[in-house]
Amino acid sequence: EFGDADGLVELATQTAHREGFGDDLAE
């Protein structure tokens, strides 16, 4: 969701470790 600040931080960790949707963002 736009505006989700806490989610932004969570997505950084998920992307770096390719966890969950972070695996898609990592591409």
PDB file of all heavy atoms in Angstrom:
ATOM      1  N   GLU A   1       0.843  -1.190   0.000  1.00  0.00           N
ATOM      2  CA  GLU A   1       0.000   0.000   0.000  1.00  0.00           C
ATOM      3  C   GLU A   1       0.884   1.247   0.000  1.00  0.00           C
ATOM      4  O   GLU A   1       1.847   1.335   0.769  1.00  0.00           O
ATOM      5  CB  GLU A   1      -0.907   0.025   1.233  1.00  0.00           C
ATOM      6  CG  GLU A   1      -1.887  -1.136   1.328  1.00  0.00           C
ATOM      7  CD  GLU A   1      -3.005  -1.042   0.314  1.00  0.00           C
ATOM      8  OE1 GLU A   1      -3.255   0.074  -0.203  1.00  0.00           O
ATOM      9  OE2 GLU A   1      -3.642  -2.086   0.042  1.00  0.00           O
ATOM     10  N   PHE A   2       0.576   2.204  -0.870  1.00  0.00           N
ATOM     11  CA  PHE A   2       1.261   3.493  -0.794  1.00  0.00           C
ATOM     12  C   PHE A   2       1.055   4.068   0.605  1.00  0.00           C
ATOM     13  O   PHE A   2      -0.030   3.961   1.191  1.00  0.00           O
ATOM     14  CB  PHE A   2       0.718   4.471  -1.836  1.00  0.00           C
ATOM     15  CG  PHE A   2       1.243   4.227  -3.223  1.00  0.00           C
ATOM     16  CD1 PHE A   2       0.412   3.766  -4.238  1.00  0.00           C
ATOM     17  CD2 PHE A   2       2.574   4.472  -3.519  1.00  0.00           C
ATOM     18  CE1 PHE A   2       0.886   3.547  -5.519  1.00  0.00           C
ATOM     19  CE2 PHE A   2       3.067   4.253  -4.799  1.00  0.00           C
ATOM     20  CZ  PHE A   2       2.228   3.792  -5.797  1.00  0.00           C
ATOM     21  N   GLY A   3       2.103   4.673   1.123  1.00  0.00           N
ATOM     22  CA  GLY A   3       2.032   5.282   2.443  1.00  0.00           C
ATOM     23  C   GLY A   3       2.433   4.364   3.582  1.00  0.00           C
ATOM     24  O   GLY A   3       2.540   4.816   4.730  1.00  0.00           O
ATOM     25  N   ASP A   4       2.672   3.079   3.298  1.00  0.00           N
ATOM     26  CA  ASP A   4       3.035   2.113   4.343  1.00  0.00           C
ATOM     27  C   ASP A   4       4.524   2.226   4.654  1.00  0.00           C
ATOM     28  O   ASP A   4       5.356   1.600   3.998  1.00  0.00           O
ATOM     29  CB  ASP A   4       2.669   0.707   3.880  1.00  0.00           C
ATOM     30  CG  ASP A   4       2.970  -0.366   4.934  1.00  0.00           C
ATOM     31  OD1 ASP A   4       3.487  -0.007   6.019  1.00  0.00           O
ATOM     32  OD2 ASP A   4       2.689  -1.546   4.670  1.00  0.00           O
ATOM     33  N   ALA A   5       4.849   3.018   5.667  1.00  0.00           N
ATOM     34  CA  ALA A   5       6.247   3.242   6.035  1.00  0.00           C
ATOM     35  C   ALA A   5       6.867   2.009   6.679  1.00  0.00           C
ATOM     36  O   ALA A   5       8.015   1.646   6.389  1.00  0.00           O
ATOM     37  CB  ALA A   5       6.358   4.442   6.972  1.00  0.00           C
ATOM     38  N   ASP A   6       6.126   1.359   7.582  1.00  0.00           N
ATOM     39  CA  ASP A   6       6.643   0.158   8.229  1.00  0.00           C
ATOM     40  C   ASP A   6       6.886  -0.941   7.193  1.00  0.00           C
ATOM     41  O   ASP A   6       7.892  -1.654   7.247  1.00  0.00           O
ATOM     42  CB  ASP A   6       5.668  -0.345   9.292  1.00  0.00           C
ATOM     43  CG  ASP A   6       5.545   0.603  10.468  1.00  0.00           C
ATOM     44  OD1 ASP A   6       6.463   1.431  10.670  1.00  0.00           O
ATOM     45  OD2 ASP A   6       4.539   0.533  11.191  1.00  0.00           O
ATOM     46  N   GLY A   7       5.970  -1.052   6.247  1.00  0.00           N
ATOM     47  CA  GLY A   7       6.118  -2.053   5.200  1.00  0.00           C
ATOM     48  C   GLY A   7       7.334  -1.807   4.329  1.00  0.00           C
ATOM     49  O   GLY A   7       7.974  -2.752   3.849  1.00  0.00           O
ATOM     50  N   LEU A   8       7.658  -0.535   4.116  1.00  0.00           N
ATOM     51  CA  LEU A   8       8.837  -0.188   3.326  1.00  0.00           C
ATOM     52  C   LEU A   8      10.086  -0.793   3.952  1.00  0.00           C
ATOM     53  O   LEU A   8      10.925  -1.387   3.263  1.00  0.00           O
ATOM     54  CB  LEU A   8       8.957   1.335   3.226  1.00  0.00           C
ATOM     55  CG  LEU A   8      10.034   1.876   2.286  1.00  0.00           C
ATOM     56  CD1 LEU A   8       9.683   1.593   0.828  1.00  0.00           C
ATOM     57  CD2 LEU A   8      10.222   3.380   2.497  1.00  0.00           C
ATOM     58  N   VAL A   9      10.209  -0.654   5.256  1.00  0.00           N
ATOM     59  CA  VAL A   9      11.369  -1.199   5.967  1.00  0.00           C
ATOM     60  C   VAL A   9      11.383  -2.726   5.871  1.00  0.00           C
ATOM     61  O   VAL A   9      12.431  -3.340   5.632  1.00  0.00           O
ATOM     62  CB  VAL A   9      11.355  -0.729   7.435  1.00  0.00           C
ATOM     63  CG1 VAL A   9      12.455  -1.414   8.232  1.00  0.00           C
ATOM     64  CG2 VAL A   9      11.514   0.787   7.507  1.00  0.00           C
ATOM     65  N   GLU A  10      10.234  -3.345   6.044  1.00  0.00           N
ATOM     66  CA  GLU A  10      10.154  -4.803   5.958  1.00  0.00           C
ATOM     67  C   GLU A  10      10.545  -5.302   4.573  1.00  0.00           C
ATOM     68  O   GLU A  10      11.234  -6.318   4.426  1.00  0.00           O
ATOM     69  CB  GLU A  10       8.737  -5.273   6.301  1.00  0.00           C
ATOM     70  CG  GLU A  10       8.358  -5.118   7.752  1.00  0.00           C
ATOM     71  CD  GLU A  10       9.231  -5.945   8.676  1.00  0.00           C
ATOM     72  OE1 GLU A  10       9.569  -7.099   8.300  1.00  0.00           O
ATOM     73  OE2 GLU A  10       9.610  -5.442   9.748  1.00  0.00           O
ATOM     74  N   LEU A  11      10.113  -4.578   3.550  1.00  0.00           N
ATOM     75  CA  LEU A  11      10.412  -5.005   2.177  1.00  0.00           C
ATOM     76  C   LEU A  11      11.908  -4.939   1.866  1.00  0.00           C
ATOM     77  O   LEU A  11      12.404  -5.716   1.043  1.00  0.00           O
ATOM     78  CB  LEU A  11       9.629  -4.164   1.175  1.00  0.00           C
ATOM     79  CG  LEU A  11       8.128  -4.463   1.071  1.00  0.00           C
ATOM     80  CD1 LEU A  11       7.437  -3.438   0.179  1.00  0.00           C
ATOM     81  CD2 LEU A  11       7.886  -5.881   0.552  1.00  0.00           C
ATOM     82  N   ALA A  12      12.630  -4.027   2.509  1.00  0.00           N
ATOM     83  CA  ALA A  12      14.076  -3.955   2.285  1.00  0.00           C
ATOM     84  C   ALA A  12      14.740  -5.260   2.715  1.00  0.00           C
ATOM     85  O   ALA A  12      15.549  -5.851   1.977  1.00  0.00           O
ATOM     86  CB  ALA A  12      14.668  -2.769   3.036  1.00  0.00           C
ATOM     87  N   THR A  13      14.402  -5.718   3.899  1.00  0.00           N
ATOM     88  CA  THR A  13      14.986  -6.969   4.397  1.00  0.00           C
ATOM     89  C   THR A  13      14.540  -8.153   3.547  1.00  0.00           C
ATOM     90  O   THR A  13      15.352  -9.023   3.189  1.00  0.00           O
ATOM     91  CB  THR A  13      14.582  -7.190   5.858  1.00  0.00           C
ATOM     92  OG1 THR A  13      15.066  -6.097   6.650  1.00  0.00           O
ATOM     93  CG2 THR A  13      15.162  -8.485   6.402  1.00  0.00           C
ATOM     94  N   GLN A  14      13.270  -8.203   3.199  1.00  0.00           N
ATOM     95  CA  GLN A  14      12.762  -9.315   2.393  1.00  0.00           C
ATOM     96  C   GLN A  14      13.420  -9.361   1.015  1.00  0.00           C
ATOM     97  O   GLN A  14      13.711 -10.444   0.490  1.00  0.00           O
ATOM     98  CB  GLN A  14      11.246  -9.206   2.252  1.00  0.00           C
ATOM     99  CG  GLN A  14      10.484  -9.479   3.538  1.00  0.00           C
ATOM    100  CD  GLN A  14       8.974  -9.331   3.362  1.00  0.00           C
ATOM    101  OE1 GLN A  14       8.469  -9.216   2.244  1.00  0.00           O
ATOM    102  NE2 GLN A  14       8.255  -9.317   4.465  1.00  0.00           N
ATOM    103  N   THR A  15      13.662  -8.190   0.427  1.00  0.00           N
ATOM    104  CA  THR A  15      14.287  -8.155  -0.898  1.00  0.00           C
ATOM    105  C   THR A  15      15.718  -8.665  -0.831  1.00  0.00           C
ATOM    106  O   THR A  15      16.133  -9.492  -1.651  1.00  0.00           O
ATOM    107  CB  THR A  15      14.269  -6.724  -1.467  1.00  0.00           C
ATOM    108  OG1 THR A  15      12.930  -6.238  -1.515  1.00  0.00           O
ATOM    109  CG2 THR A  15      14.866  -6.702  -2.867  1.00  0.00           C
ATOM    110  N   ALA A  16      16.484  -8.187   0.129  1.00  0.00           N
ATOM    111  CA  ALA A  16      17.891  -8.586   0.237  1.00  0.00           C
ATOM    112  C   ALA A  16      18.045 -10.087   0.439  1.00  0.00           C
ATOM    113  O   ALA A  16      18.996 -10.703  -0.058  1.00  0.00           O
ATOM    114  CB  ALA A  16      18.562  -7.831   1.376  1.00  0.00           C
ATOM    115  N   HIS A  17      17.101 -10.687   1.151  1.00  0.00           N
ATOM    116  CA  HIS A  17      17.170 -12.124   1.441  1.00  0.00           C
ATOM    117  C   HIS A  17      16.297 -12.957   0.504  1.00  0.00           C
ATOM    118  O   HIS A  17      16.208 -14.175   0.665  1.00  0.00           O
ATOM    119  CB  HIS A  17      16.776 -12.371   2.893  1.00  0.00           C
ATOM    120  CG  HIS A  17      17.744 -11.783   3.877  1.00  0.00           C
ATOM    121  ND1 HIS A  17      18.997 -12.320   4.113  1.00  0.00           N
ATOM    122  CD2 HIS A  17      17.660 -10.675   4.659  1.00  0.00           C
ATOM    123  CE1 HIS A  17      19.634 -11.585   5.007  1.00  0.00           C
ATOM    124  NE2 HIS A  17      18.850 -10.581   5.356  1.00  0.00           N
ATOM    125  N   ARG A  18      15.661 -12.297  -0.458  1.00  0.00           N
ATOM    126  CA  ARG A  18      14.775 -12.952  -1.426  1.00  0.00           C
ATOM    127  C   ARG A  18      13.708 -13.788  -0.708  1.00  0.00           C
ATOM    128  O   ARG A  18      13.440 -14.940  -1.065  1.00  0.00           O
ATOM    129  CB  ARG A  18      15.566 -13.811  -2.408  1.00  0.00           C
ATOM    130  CG  ARG A  18      16.268 -12.986  -3.500  1.00  0.00           C
ATOM    131  CD  ARG A  18      16.900 -13.881  -4.550  1.00  0.00           C
ATOM    132  NE  ARG A  18      17.424 -13.137  -5.696  1.00  0.00           N
ATOM    133  CZ  ARG A  18      16.733 -12.865  -6.807  1.00  0.00           C
ATOM    134  NH1 ARG A  18      15.473 -13.252  -6.902  1.00  0.00           N
ATOM    135  NH2 ARG A  18      17.285 -12.210  -7.811  1.00  0.00           N
ATOM    136  N   GLU A  19      13.080 -13.181   0.284  1.00  0.00           N
ATOM    137  CA  GLU A  19      12.030 -13.842   1.040  1.00  0.00           C
ATOM    138  C   GLU A  19      10.660 -13.334   0.583  1.00  0.00           C
ATOM    139  O   GLU A  19      10.459 -12.126   0.426  1.00  0.00           O
ATOM    140  CB  GLU A  19      12.198 -13.563   2.534  1.00  0.00           C
ATOM    141  CG  GLU A  19      13.501 -14.109   3.122  1.00  0.00           C
ATOM    142  CD  GLU A  19      13.730 -13.625   4.536  1.00  0.00           C
ATOM    143  OE1 GLU A  19      13.048 -12.659   4.964  1.00  0.00           O
ATOM    144  OE2 GLU A  19      14.613 -14.181   5.208  1.00  0.00           O
ATOM    145  N   GLY A  20       9.705 -14.235   0.417  1.00  0.00           N
ATOM    146  CA  GLY A  20       8.359 -13.832   0.050  1.00  0.00           C
ATOM    147  C   GLY A  20       8.351 -13.004  -1.233  1.00  0.00           C
ATOM    148  O   GLY A  20       9.033 -13.327  -2.215  1.00  0.00           O
ATOM    149  N   PHE A  21       7.558 -11.919  -1.217  1.00  0.00           N
ATOM    150  CA  PHE A  21       7.479 -11.068  -2.401  1.00  0.00           C
ATOM    151  C   PHE A  21       8.797 -10.340  -2.667  1.00  0.00           C
ATOM    152  O   PHE A  21       9.022  -9.846  -3.776  1.00  0.00           O
ATOM    153  CB  PHE A  21       6.344 -10.053  -2.230  1.00  0.00           C
ATOM    154  CG  PHE A  21       5.997  -9.321  -3.496  1.00  0.00           C
ATOM    155  CD1 PHE A  21       5.402  -9.984  -4.555  1.00  0.00           C
ATOM    156  CD2 PHE A  21       6.289  -7.976  -3.641  1.00  0.00           C
ATOM    157  CE1 PHE A  21       5.093  -9.321  -5.736  1.00  0.00           C
ATOM    158  CE2 PHE A  21       5.983  -7.296  -4.812  1.00  0.00           C
ATOM    159  CZ  PHE A  21       5.380  -7.973  -5.870  1.00  0.00           C
ATOM    160  N   GLY A  22       9.684 -10.308  -1.664  1.00  0.00           N
ATOM    161  CA  GLY A  22      11.013  -9.738  -1.886  1.00  0.00           C
ATOM    162  C   GLY A  22      11.779 -10.440  -2.986  1.00  0.00           C
ATOM    163  O   GLY A  22      12.630  -9.837  -3.643  1.00  0.00           O
ATOM    164  N   ASP A  23      11.469 -11.717  -3.213  1.00  0.00           N
ATOM    165  CA  ASP A  23      12.123 -12.462  -4.291  1.00  0.00           C
ATOM    166  C   ASP A  23      11.747 -11.880  -5.647  1.00  0.00           C
ATOM    167  O   ASP A  23      12.571 -11.832  -6.565  1.00  0.00           O
ATOM    168  CB  ASP A  23      11.725 -13.936  -4.199  1.00  0.00           C
ATOM    169  CG  ASP A  23      12.534 -14.822  -5.127  1.00  0.00           C
ATOM    170  OD1 ASP A  23      13.738 -14.572  -5.288  1.00  0.00           O
ATOM    171  OD2 ASP A  23      11.957 -15.762  -5.697  1.00  0.00           O
ATOM    172  N   ASP A  24      10.500 -11.420  -5.783  1.00  0.00           N
ATOM    173  CA  ASP A  24      10.061 -10.782  -7.027  1.00  0.00           C
ATOM    174  C   ASP A  24      10.675  -9.400  -7.167  1.00  0.00           C
ATOM    175  O   ASP A  24      11.128  -9.005  -8.257  1.00  0.00           O
ATOM    176  CB  ASP A  24       8.539 -10.672  -7.046  1.00  0.00           C
ATOM    177  CG  ASP A  24       7.855 -12.023  -6.961  1.00  0.00           C
ATOM    178  OD1 ASP A  24       7.691 -12.673  -8.004  1.00  0.00           O
ATOM    179  OD2 ASP A  24       7.488 -12.436  -5.842  1.00  0.00           O
ATOM    180  N   LEU A  25      10.706  -8.645  -6.074  1.00  0.00           N
ATOM    181  CA  LEU A  25      11.291  -7.302  -6.116  1.00  0.00           C
ATOM    182  C   LEU A  25      12.779  -7.357  -6.459  1.00  0.00           C
ATOM    183  O   LEU A  25      13.305  -6.448  -7.102  1.00  0.00           O
ATOM    184  CB  LEU A  25      11.107  -6.611  -4.757  1.00  0.00           C
ATOM    185  CG  LEU A  25       9.663  -6.294  -4.336  1.00  0.00           C
ATOM    186  CD1 LEU A  25       9.644  -5.772  -2.906  1.00  0.00           C
ATOM    187  CD2 LEU A  25       9.024  -5.287  -5.281  1.00  0.00           C
ATOM    188  N   ALA A  26      13.458  -8.421  -6.045  1.00  0.00           N
ATOM    189  CA  ALA A  26      14.900  -8.546  -6.258  1.00  0.00           C
ATOM    190  C   ALA A  26      15.285  -8.612  -7.726  1.00  0.00           C
ATOM    191  O   ALA A  26      16.450  -8.427  -8.080  1.00  0.00           O
ATOM    192  CB  ALA A  26      15.427  -9.785  -5.532  1.00  0.00           C
ATOM    193  N   GLU A  27      14.308  -8.857  -8.604  1.00  0.00           N
ATOM    194  CA  GLU A  27      14.574  -8.917 -10.035  1.00  0.00           C
ATOM    195  C   GLU A  27      14.533  -7.548 -10.693  1.00  0.00           C
ATOM    196  O   GLU A  27      14.904  -7.405 -11.859  1.00  0.00           O
ATOM    197  CB  GLU A  27      13.570  -9.841 -10.715  1.00  0.00           C
ATOM    198  CG  GLU A  27      13.752 -11.306 -10.363  1.00  0.00           C
ATOM    199  CD  GLU A  27      15.089 -11.832 -10.865  1.00  0.00           C
ATOM    200  OE1 GLU A  27      15.307 -11.827 -12.089  1.00  0.00           O
ATOM    201  OE2 GLU A  27      15.914 -12.232 -10.030  1.00  0.00           O
TER     202      GLU A  27
END
